[in-house]
Amino acid sequence: MLHDLAGTWWAWVVLGFALGVLEILAPGYIFLGFAIGAVLTGILVGIGIPAGLPALILIFAVASVAAWLILRRTMGVRQGQVKIWDRDINDNP
């Protein structure tokens, strides 16, 4: 039963979209890499990559880390960029 769920492409895509919704609810680019990794794993399973559950988890992990690194490079703080705080959150306006 678990092997059938791991080999079903739509389960990975649904997991990816659920993680995407979680990213919207808790923003910060935390879950977006995992969401992209799950969708990519679903696409690979849909194409017909013959892999068992351990291999799919490895594919998911590698795709998630790669997506996170790409997101970090494109959307993260640029080199030399400094966040300047102009007011304290505890000061009342």
C-alpha atoms as a PDB file:
ATOM      1  CA  MET A   1       0.000   0.000   0.000  1.00  0.00           C
ATOM      2  CA  LEU A   2       2.778   2.461   0.886  1.00  0.00           C
ATOM      3  CA  HIS A   3       4.643   1.546  -2.308  1.00  0.00           C
ATOM      4  CA  ASP A   4       1.531   2.276  -4.375  1.00  0.00           C
ATOM      5  CA  LEU A   5       1.179   5.701  -2.756  1.00  0.00           C
ATOM      6  CA  ALA A   6       4.853   6.483  -3.398  1.00  0.00           C
ATOM      7  CA  GLY A   7       4.505   5.546  -7.057  1.00  0.00           C
ATOM      8  CA  THR A   8       1.382   7.610  -7.657  1.00  0.00           C
ATOM      9  CA  TRP A   9       2.321  10.838  -9.376  1.00  0.00           C
ATOM     10  CA  TRP A  10      -0.715  12.793  -8.256  1.00  0.00           C
ATOM     11  CA  ALA A  11       0.032  12.162  -4.575  1.00  0.00           C
ATOM     12  CA  TRP A  12       3.353  13.968  -4.957  1.00  0.00           C
ATOM     13  CA  VAL A  13       1.711  16.836  -6.833  1.00  0.00           C
ATOM     14  CA  VAL A  14      -1.002  17.173  -4.165  1.00  0.00           C
ATOM     15  CA  LEU A  15       1.715  17.205  -1.496  1.00  0.00           C
ATOM     16  CA  GLY A  16       3.504  19.934  -3.450  1.00  0.00           C
ATOM     17  CA  PHE A  17       0.384  22.083  -3.668  1.00  0.00           C
ATOM     18  CA  ALA A  18      -0.377  21.515   0.030  1.00  0.00           C
ATOM     19  CA  LEU A  19       3.131  22.694   0.887  1.00  0.00           C
ATOM     20  CA  GLY A  20       2.598  25.670  -1.425  1.00  0.00           C
ATOM     21  CA  VAL A  21      -0.551  26.603   0.499  1.00  0.00           C
ATOM     22  CA  LEU A  22       1.393  26.211   3.730  1.00  0.00           C
ATOM     23  CA  GLU A  23       4.004  28.598   2.323  1.00  0.00           C
ATOM     24  CA  ILE A  24       1.280  31.167   1.657  1.00  0.00           C
ATOM     25  CA  LEU A  25      -0.010  30.812   5.221  1.00  0.00           C
ATOM     26  CA  ALA A  26       3.477  30.999   6.762  1.00  0.00           C
ATOM     27  CA  PRO A  27       5.587  33.038   4.314  1.00  0.00           C
ATOM     28  CA  GLY A  28       9.344  33.119   4.438  1.00  0.00           C
ATOM     29  CA  TYR A  29      10.419  30.761   1.650  1.00  0.00           C
ATOM     30  CA  ILE A  30      10.521  27.870   4.108  1.00  0.00           C
ATOM     31  CA  PHE A  31       8.111  25.448   2.447  1.00  0.00           C
ATOM     32  CA  LEU A  32       8.424  26.638  -1.138  1.00  0.00           C
ATOM     33  CA  GLY A  33      11.531  24.546  -1.832  1.00  0.00           C
ATOM     34  CA  PHE A  34       9.794  21.460  -0.490  1.00  0.00           C
ATOM     35  CA  ALA A  35       6.721  22.248  -2.606  1.00  0.00           C
ATOM     36  CA  ILE A  36       8.800  22.541  -5.759  1.00  0.00           C
ATOM     37  CA  GLY A  37      10.649  19.314  -4.884  1.00  0.00           C
ATOM     38  CA  ALA A  38       7.375  17.431  -4.404  1.00  0.00           C
ATOM     39  CA  VAL A  39       5.928  18.673  -7.687  1.00  0.00           C
ATOM     40  CA  LEU A  40       9.149  17.782  -9.539  1.00  0.00           C
ATOM     41  CA  THR A  41       9.071  14.316  -7.973  1.00  0.00           C
ATOM     42  CA  GLY A  42       5.440  13.953  -9.107  1.00  0.00           C
ATOM     43  CA  ILE A  43       6.406  14.948 -12.632  1.00  0.00           C
ATOM     44  CA  LEU A  44       9.239  12.404 -12.687  1.00  0.00           C
ATOM     45  CA  VAL A  45       6.922   9.669 -11.398  1.00  0.00           C
ATOM     46  CA  GLY A  46       4.330  10.688 -13.993  1.00  0.00           C
ATOM     47  CA  ILE A  47       6.919  10.442 -16.763  1.00  0.00           C
ATOM     48  CA  GLY A  48       7.613   6.891 -15.661  1.00  0.00           C
ATOM     49  CA  ILE A  49      10.783   6.891 -13.561  1.00  0.00           C
ATOM     50  CA  PRO A  50      10.854   3.381 -12.079  1.00  0.00           C
ATOM     51  CA  ALA A  51      11.794   3.960  -8.437  1.00  0.00           C
ATOM     52  CA  GLY A  52      10.788   2.619  -5.065  1.00  0.00           C
ATOM     53  CA  LEU A  53       9.958   4.665  -2.001  1.00  0.00           C
ATOM     54  CA  PRO A  54      13.590   5.181  -0.814  1.00  0.00           C
ATOM     55  CA  ALA A  55      14.650   6.396  -4.271  1.00  0.00           C
ATOM     56  CA  LEU A  56      11.646   8.731  -4.498  1.00  0.00           C
ATOM     57  CA  ILE A  57      12.430  10.196  -1.100  1.00  0.00           C
ATOM     58  CA  LEU A  58      16.010  10.754  -2.266  1.00  0.00           C
ATOM     59  CA  ILE A  59      14.769  12.421  -5.470  1.00  0.00           C
ATOM     60  CA  PHE A  60      12.431  14.589  -3.384  1.00  0.00           C
ATOM     61  CA  ALA A  61      15.273  15.584  -1.042  1.00  0.00           C
ATOM     62  CA  VAL A  62      17.702  16.438  -3.845  1.00  0.00           C
ATOM     63  CA  ALA A  63      15.065  18.371  -5.802  1.00  0.00           C
ATOM     64  CA  SER A  64      14.011  20.266  -2.665  1.00  0.00           C
ATOM     65  CA  VAL A  65      17.578  21.263  -1.780  1.00  0.00           C
ATOM     66  CA  ALA A  66      18.257  22.321  -5.381  1.00  0.00           C
ATOM     67  CA  ALA A  67      15.039  24.377  -5.452  1.00  0.00           C
ATOM     68  CA  TRP A  68      15.906  25.955  -2.100  1.00  0.00           C
ATOM     69  CA  LEU A  69      19.401  26.898  -3.306  1.00  0.00           C
ATOM     70  CA  ILE A  70      18.013  28.436  -6.501  1.00  0.00           C
ATOM     71  CA  LEU A  71      15.365  30.344  -4.527  1.00  0.00           C
ATOM     72  CA  ARG A  72      17.978  31.519  -2.063  1.00  0.00           C
ATOM     73  CA  ARG A  73      20.179  32.809  -4.869  1.00  0.00           C
ATOM     74  CA  THR A  74      17.348  34.554  -6.738  1.00  0.00           C
ATOM     75  CA  MET A  75      15.219  35.838  -3.849  1.00  0.00           C
ATOM     76  CA  GLY A  76      17.612  35.989  -0.927  1.00  0.00           C
ATOM     77  CA  VAL A  77      19.641  38.867   0.406  1.00  0.00           C
ATOM     78  CA  ARG A  78      22.170  40.027  -2.159  1.00  0.00           C
ATOM     79  CA  GLN A  79      25.851  40.031  -1.332  1.00  0.00           C
ATOM     80  CA  GLY A  80      26.753  43.277   0.389  1.00  0.00           C
ATOM     81  CA  GLN A  81      23.099  44.150   1.012  1.00  0.00           C
ATOM     82  CA  VAL A  82      22.391  45.233   4.570  1.00  0.00           C
ATOM     83  CA  LYS A  83      19.001  45.553   6.230  1.00  0.00           C
ATOM     84  CA  ILE A  84      18.698  49.004   7.767  1.00  0.00           C
ATOM     85  CA  TRP A  85      16.161  49.364  10.548  1.00  0.00           C
ATOM     86  CA  ASP A  86      14.753  52.871  10.779  1.00  0.00           C
ATOM     87  CA  ARG A  87      12.428  52.327  13.738  1.00  0.00           C
ATOM     88  CA  ASP A  88      11.975  49.976  16.635  1.00  0.00           C
ATOM     89  CA  ILE A  89       8.865  47.758  16.592  1.00  0.00           C
ATOM     90  CA  ASN A  90       8.324  48.617  20.249  1.00  0.00           C
ATOM     91  CA  ASP A  91       8.058  52.350  19.566  1.00  0.00           C
ATOM     92  CA  ASN A  92       4.491  53.523  19.258  1.00  0.00           C
ATOM     93  CA  PRO A  93       3.855  55.943  16.370  1.00  0.00           C
END
